Amino acid sequence: MMTRLVPKVFFDHMSEGLDLFVNGLGFKVLHRDASLAVVARDEAKAYVIESSEYAAKDRPEIAIETDTIGELYQEISSKRPDLLHPNSKQVMKKPWGAQEFAVLDQTGVCVIFRQW
């Protein structure tokens, strides 16, 4: 049984990744060393990796499914409105039926929050 997919997200500087996930999205650091941080919130988890080489090659779009999209939107929009994606800065019902909003950090990493 598969239970979770955990993405690696690469940044030039660890501080950029921690700003997005910890300061912006409320994740907690479970582990940190010189080039790797494991962050988690509820059942969502990610590996934040400092690597200029890979950060230059990959700016991912990550989706996190939730059943509390309104609460997440209120939390993130009040704490870090600068992170709201210019094309998805409000909770909206998409043509495929999901409620969504997104954040976009200064490095181009996009995190979409989705409730079906």
Protein backbone atom coordinates (compact mmCIF):
# COMPACT_ATOMS: atom_id res chain seq x y z
CA MET A 1 0.00 0.00 0.00
CA MET A 2 1.33 3.43 -0.94
CA THR A 3 0.53 6.10 1.62
CA ARG A 4 2.39 9.27 0.66
CA LEU A 5 4.42 10.91 -2.10
CA VAL A 6 7.13 13.21 -0.71
CA PRO A 7 8.65 15.69 -3.18
CA LYS A 8 12.18 17.03 -3.14
CA VAL A 9 12.19 20.79 -3.74
CA PHE A 10 15.52 22.37 -4.63
CA PHE A 11 16.55 25.93 -3.72
CA ASP A 12 19.71 28.00 -4.21
CA HIS A 13 19.65 28.74 -0.49
CA MET A 14 18.05 26.74 2.32
CA SER A 15 16.60 29.98 3.70
CA GLU A 16 14.39 30.35 0.58
CA GLY A 17 12.83 26.93 1.06
CA LEU A 18 12.31 27.40 4.77
CA ASP A 19 10.75 30.81 4.15
CA LEU A 20 8.16 29.24 1.85
CA PHE A 21 7.36 26.08 3.80
CA VAL A 22 7.93 27.12 7.42
CA ASN A 23 7.32 30.88 7.51
CA GLY A 24 4.72 30.93 4.73
CA LEU A 25 2.84 27.65 4.93
CA GLY A 26 3.26 26.74 8.59
CA PHE A 27 5.28 23.54 8.18
CA LYS A 28 7.54 22.38 11.04
CA VAL A 29 11.15 21.29 10.57
CA LEU A 30 11.52 17.59 11.45
CA HIS A 31 15.19 17.36 10.47
CA ARG A 32 17.82 19.77 9.21
CA ASP A 33 21.45 19.51 8.23
CA ALA A 34 23.71 21.54 5.93
CA SER A 35 21.82 20.81 2.71
CA LEU A 36 18.56 19.02 3.65
CA ALA A 37 15.52 19.89 5.71
CA VAL A 38 12.53 17.59 6.16
CA VAL A 39 9.39 19.66 6.75
CA ALA A 40 5.86 18.56 7.57
CA ARG A 41 2.43 19.84 8.42
CA ASP A 42 -0.39 17.44 9.21
CA GLU A 43 0.05 14.62 6.67
CA ALA A 44 1.94 16.71 4.07
CA LYS A 45 5.72 16.42 3.93
CA ALA A 46 8.54 17.72 1.70
CA TYR A 47 12.30 17.58 1.46
CA VAL A 48 13.85 21.04 1.09
CA ILE A 49 17.26 20.66 -0.50
CA GLU A 50 19.91 23.31 -1.03
CA SER A 51 21.39 22.80 -4.50
CA SER A 52 21.98 25.67 -6.91
CA GLU A 53 22.54 23.21 -9.74
CA TYR A 54 19.15 21.50 -9.39
CA ALA A 55 17.27 24.66 -8.40
CA ALA A 56 18.28 26.15 -11.76
CA LYS A 57 16.84 23.10 -13.56
CA ASP A 58 13.54 22.63 -11.74
CA ARG A 59 10.90 25.03 -10.36
CA PRO A 60 8.09 22.65 -9.42
CA GLU A 61 4.37 23.00 -9.12
CA ILE A 62 3.16 20.99 -6.12
CA ALA A 63 -0.47 20.30 -5.20
CA ILE A 64 -1.61 19.70 -1.63
CA GLU A 65 -5.11 18.34 -1.17
CA THR A 66 -7.01 19.51 1.89
CA ASP A 67 -10.44 19.37 3.45
CA THR A 68 -10.03 22.78 5.12
CA ILE A 69 -9.28 25.08 2.17
CA GLY A 70 -11.09 28.08 3.67
CA GLU A 71 -9.09 27.91 6.90
CA LEU A 72 -5.80 27.48 5.03
CA TYR A 73 -6.59 30.39 2.75
CA GLN A 74 -7.43 32.65 5.71
CA GLU A 75 -4.23 31.66 7.53
CA ILE A 76 -1.88 32.09 4.57
CA SER A 77 -3.52 35.20 3.10
CA SER A 78 -3.45 37.00 6.45
CA LYS A 79 0.09 35.91 7.38
CA ARG A 80 1.82 36.05 3.97
CA PRO A 81 -0.31 37.76 1.29
CA ASP A 82 2.91 38.31 -0.69
CA LEU A 83 2.95 34.57 -1.43
CA LEU A 84 -0.49 34.44 -3.08
CA HIS A 85 -0.16 33.49 -6.75
CA PRO A 86 -1.20 36.39 -9.01
CA ASN A 87 -3.34 34.05 -11.15
CA SER A 88 -4.94 32.16 -8.24
CA LYS A 89 -4.96 34.44 -5.21
CA GLN A 90 -8.53 33.64 -4.14
CA VAL A 91 -10.29 30.35 -3.49
CA MET A 92 -12.12 29.58 -6.72
CA LYS A 93 -14.03 26.61 -8.08
CA LYS A 94 -12.16 25.33 -11.12
CA PRO A 95 -13.83 23.80 -14.22
CA TRP A 96 -12.76 20.33 -13.03
CA GLY A 97 -14.77 20.80 -9.84
CA ALA A 98 -12.11 21.47 -7.20
CA GLN A 99 -11.83 24.56 -5.01
CA GLU A 100 -8.29 25.94 -5.34
CA PHE A 101 -5.88 28.75 -4.53
CA ALA A 102 -2.11 28.88 -4.95
CA VAL A 103 1.06 30.43 -3.64
CA LEU A 104 4.16 31.35 -5.64
CA ASP A 105 7.47 32.09 -3.96
CA GLN A 106 10.23 34.38 -5.16
CA THR A 107 12.09 31.46 -6.76
CA GLY A 108 9.14 30.27 -8.87
CA VAL A 109 7.98 27.34 -6.74
CA CYS A 110 4.19 27.06 -6.94
CA VAL A 111 2.07 25.27 -4.32
CA ILE A 112 -1.59 24.72 -5.15
CA PHE A 113 -4.08 23.98 -2.39
CA ARG A 114 -7.01 21.90 -3.62
CA GLN A 115 -10.24 20.68 -2.05
CA TRP A 116 -12.46 18.29 -3.98
